[in-house]
């Protein structure tokens, strides 16, 4: 399992300086239930709007 998860979505509640994700768990899905072939065909369902640091 990855130790550090990088994320550039700085308006997410779990975002930390250095583009790190502070969530305890990460939930990523493929769009529309299809098999993803590219990263653009995935979504992070862990995203939660709002970050006081931003």
N, C-alpha and C. Protein backbone atom coordinates (compact mmCIF):
# COMPACT_ATOMS: atom_id res chain seq x y z
N UNK A 1 0.85 -1.18 0.00
CA UNK A 1 0.00 0.00 0.00
C UNK A 1 0.89 1.24 0.00
N UNK A 2 0.47 2.26 -0.71
CA UNK A 2 1.23 3.49 -0.79
C UNK A 2 1.29 4.19 0.56
N UNK A 3 2.44 4.71 0.91
CA UNK A 3 2.60 5.43 2.16
C UNK A 3 2.08 6.86 2.03
N UNK A 4 2.45 7.52 0.96
CA UNK A 4 2.01 8.90 0.72
C UNK A 4 1.17 8.93 -0.55
N UNK A 5 -0.02 9.48 -0.45
CA UNK A 5 -0.89 9.63 -1.61
C UNK A 5 -0.83 11.09 -2.02
N UNK A 6 -0.41 11.35 -3.25
CA UNK A 6 -0.30 12.70 -3.76
C UNK A 6 -1.63 13.14 -4.36
N UNK A 7 -1.98 14.40 -4.13
CA UNK A 7 -3.23 14.96 -4.64
C UNK A 7 -3.04 16.45 -4.86
N UNK A 8 -3.50 16.94 -5.99
CA UNK A 8 -3.38 18.36 -6.31
C UNK A 8 -4.70 19.11 -6.15
N UNK A 9 -5.73 18.45 -5.61
CA UNK A 9 -7.04 19.08 -5.45
C UNK A 9 -7.04 19.85 -4.13
N UNK A 10 -6.51 21.08 -4.18
CA UNK A 10 -6.29 21.83 -2.94
C UNK A 10 -7.55 22.40 -2.30
N UNK A 11 -8.71 22.18 -2.89
CA UNK A 11 -9.95 22.60 -2.23
C UNK A 11 -10.66 21.40 -1.60
N UNK A 12 -9.96 20.26 -1.49
CA UNK A 12 -10.51 19.08 -0.82
C UNK A 12 -10.20 19.16 0.67
N UNK A 13 -11.14 18.72 1.48
CA UNK A 13 -10.99 18.71 2.94
C UNK A 13 -9.73 17.95 3.37
N UNK A 14 -9.33 16.93 2.65
CA UNK A 14 -8.21 16.07 3.03
C UNK A 14 -6.86 16.52 2.48
N UNK A 15 -6.84 17.57 1.68
CA UNK A 15 -5.60 18.04 1.08
C UNK A 15 -4.71 18.68 2.13
N UNK A 16 -3.40 18.43 2.02
CA UNK A 16 -2.40 19.06 2.89
C UNK A 16 -1.31 19.68 2.03
N UNK A 17 -0.64 20.68 2.60
CA UNK A 17 0.48 21.30 1.89
C UNK A 17 1.46 20.22 1.43
N UNK A 18 2.03 20.43 0.28
CA UNK A 18 2.91 19.43 -0.33
C UNK A 18 2.14 18.48 -1.23
N UNK A 19 0.86 18.82 -1.47
CA UNK A 19 -0.03 18.01 -2.31
C UNK A 19 -0.18 16.58 -1.78
N UNK A 20 -0.43 16.47 -0.48
CA UNK A 20 -0.64 15.18 0.15
C UNK A 20 -2.10 15.01 0.55
N UNK A 21 -2.58 13.78 0.48
CA UNK A 21 -3.94 13.45 0.91
C UNK A 21 -3.87 12.93 2.34
N UNK A 22 -4.68 13.51 3.24
CA UNK A 22 -4.68 13.17 4.65
C UNK A 22 -5.81 12.20 5.03
N UNK A 23 -6.55 11.69 4.06
CA UNK A 23 -7.66 10.79 4.35
C UNK A 23 -7.14 9.45 4.87
N UNK A 24 -7.89 8.85 5.79
CA UNK A 24 -7.52 7.53 6.33
C UNK A 24 -7.65 6.45 5.27
N UNK A 25 -8.64 6.58 4.41
CA UNK A 25 -8.87 5.62 3.33
C UNK A 25 -9.13 6.39 2.04
N UNK A 26 -8.77 5.80 0.91
CA UNK A 26 -8.98 6.40 -0.40
C UNK A 26 -9.91 5.48 -1.18
N UNK A 27 -10.94 6.06 -1.79
CA UNK A 27 -11.91 5.28 -2.57
C UNK A 27 -11.93 5.83 -3.98
N UNK A 28 -11.44 5.06 -4.94
CA UNK A 28 -11.38 5.47 -6.35
C UNK A 28 -12.23 4.50 -7.16
N UNK A 29 -13.06 5.06 -8.06
CA UNK A 29 -13.93 4.24 -8.90
C UNK A 29 -13.65 4.51 -10.37
N UNK A 30 -14.07 3.59 -11.21
CA UNK A 30 -14.03 3.84 -12.65
C UNK A 30 -15.35 4.49 -13.04
N UNK A 31 -15.29 5.42 -13.96
CA UNK A 31 -16.48 6.15 -14.38
C UNK A 31 -17.47 5.23 -15.07
N UNK A 32 -18.72 5.40 -14.76
CA UNK A 32 -19.83 4.68 -15.40
C UNK A 32 -19.70 3.17 -15.28
N UNK A 33 -18.96 2.68 -14.29
CA UNK A 33 -18.85 1.25 -14.08
C UNK A 33 -18.07 0.50 -15.14
N UNK A 34 -17.39 1.22 -16.02
CA UNK A 34 -16.60 0.60 -17.09
C UNK A 34 -15.18 0.34 -16.60
N UNK A 35 -14.49 -0.57 -17.28
CA UNK A 35 -13.09 -0.80 -16.98
C UNK A 35 -12.28 0.40 -17.43
N UNK A 36 -11.52 0.98 -16.52
CA UNK A 36 -10.73 2.17 -16.84
C UNK A 36 -9.46 1.77 -17.59
N UNK A 37 -9.16 2.54 -18.63
CA UNK A 37 -7.93 2.34 -19.38
C UNK A 37 -6.97 3.51 -19.19
N UNK A 38 -7.47 4.63 -18.67
CA UNK A 38 -6.67 5.84 -18.44
C UNK A 38 -7.09 6.46 -17.12
N UNK A 39 -6.19 7.20 -16.49
CA UNK A 39 -6.51 7.84 -15.21
C UNK A 39 -7.69 8.80 -15.33
N UNK A 40 -7.87 9.40 -16.50
CA UNK A 40 -8.98 10.34 -16.69
C UNK A 40 -10.34 9.64 -16.63
N UNK A 41 -10.34 8.33 -16.67
CA UNK A 41 -11.58 7.55 -16.60
C UNK A 41 -11.88 7.08 -15.18
N UNK A 42 -11.22 7.69 -14.19
CA UNK A 42 -11.43 7.34 -12.79
C UNK A 42 -11.86 8.57 -12.00
N UNK A 43 -12.46 8.34 -10.84
CA UNK A 43 -12.89 9.42 -9.95
C UNK A 43 -12.53 9.08 -8.52
N UNK A 44 -12.08 10.07 -7.77
CA UNK A 44 -11.81 9.90 -6.35
C UNK A 44 -13.10 10.21 -5.59
N UNK A 45 -13.70 9.19 -5.01
CA UNK A 45 -14.94 9.37 -4.25
C UNK A 45 -14.66 9.79 -2.81
N UNK A 46 -13.39 9.86 -2.43
CA UNK A 46 -13.01 10.32 -1.10
C UNK A 46 -13.12 11.84 -1.01
N UNK A 47 -13.11 12.52 -2.15
CA UNK A 47 -13.16 13.99 -2.18
C UNK A 47 -14.29 14.52 -1.33
N UNK A 48 -13.95 15.50 -0.51
CA UNK A 48 -14.93 16.20 0.33
C UNK A 48 -14.63 17.68 0.20
N UNK A 49 -15.59 18.49 -0.27
CA UNK A 49 -15.29 19.91 -0.49
C UNK A 49 -14.95 20.64 0.80
N UNK A 50 -14.13 21.64 0.64
CA UNK A 50 -13.81 22.52 1.76
C UNK A 50 -12.47 22.22 2.39
N UNK A 51 -11.61 23.20 2.37
CA UNK A 51 -10.31 23.06 3.00
C UNK A 51 -9.95 24.39 3.60
N UNK A 52 -9.81 24.44 4.91
CA UNK A 52 -9.50 25.69 5.60
C UNK A 52 -8.09 26.17 5.29
N UNK A 53 -7.22 25.26 4.83
CA UNK A 53 -5.84 25.63 4.53
C UNK A 53 -5.72 26.38 3.22
N UNK A 54 -6.69 26.20 2.32
CA UNK A 54 -6.61 26.79 0.99
C UNK A 54 -7.11 28.20 1.01
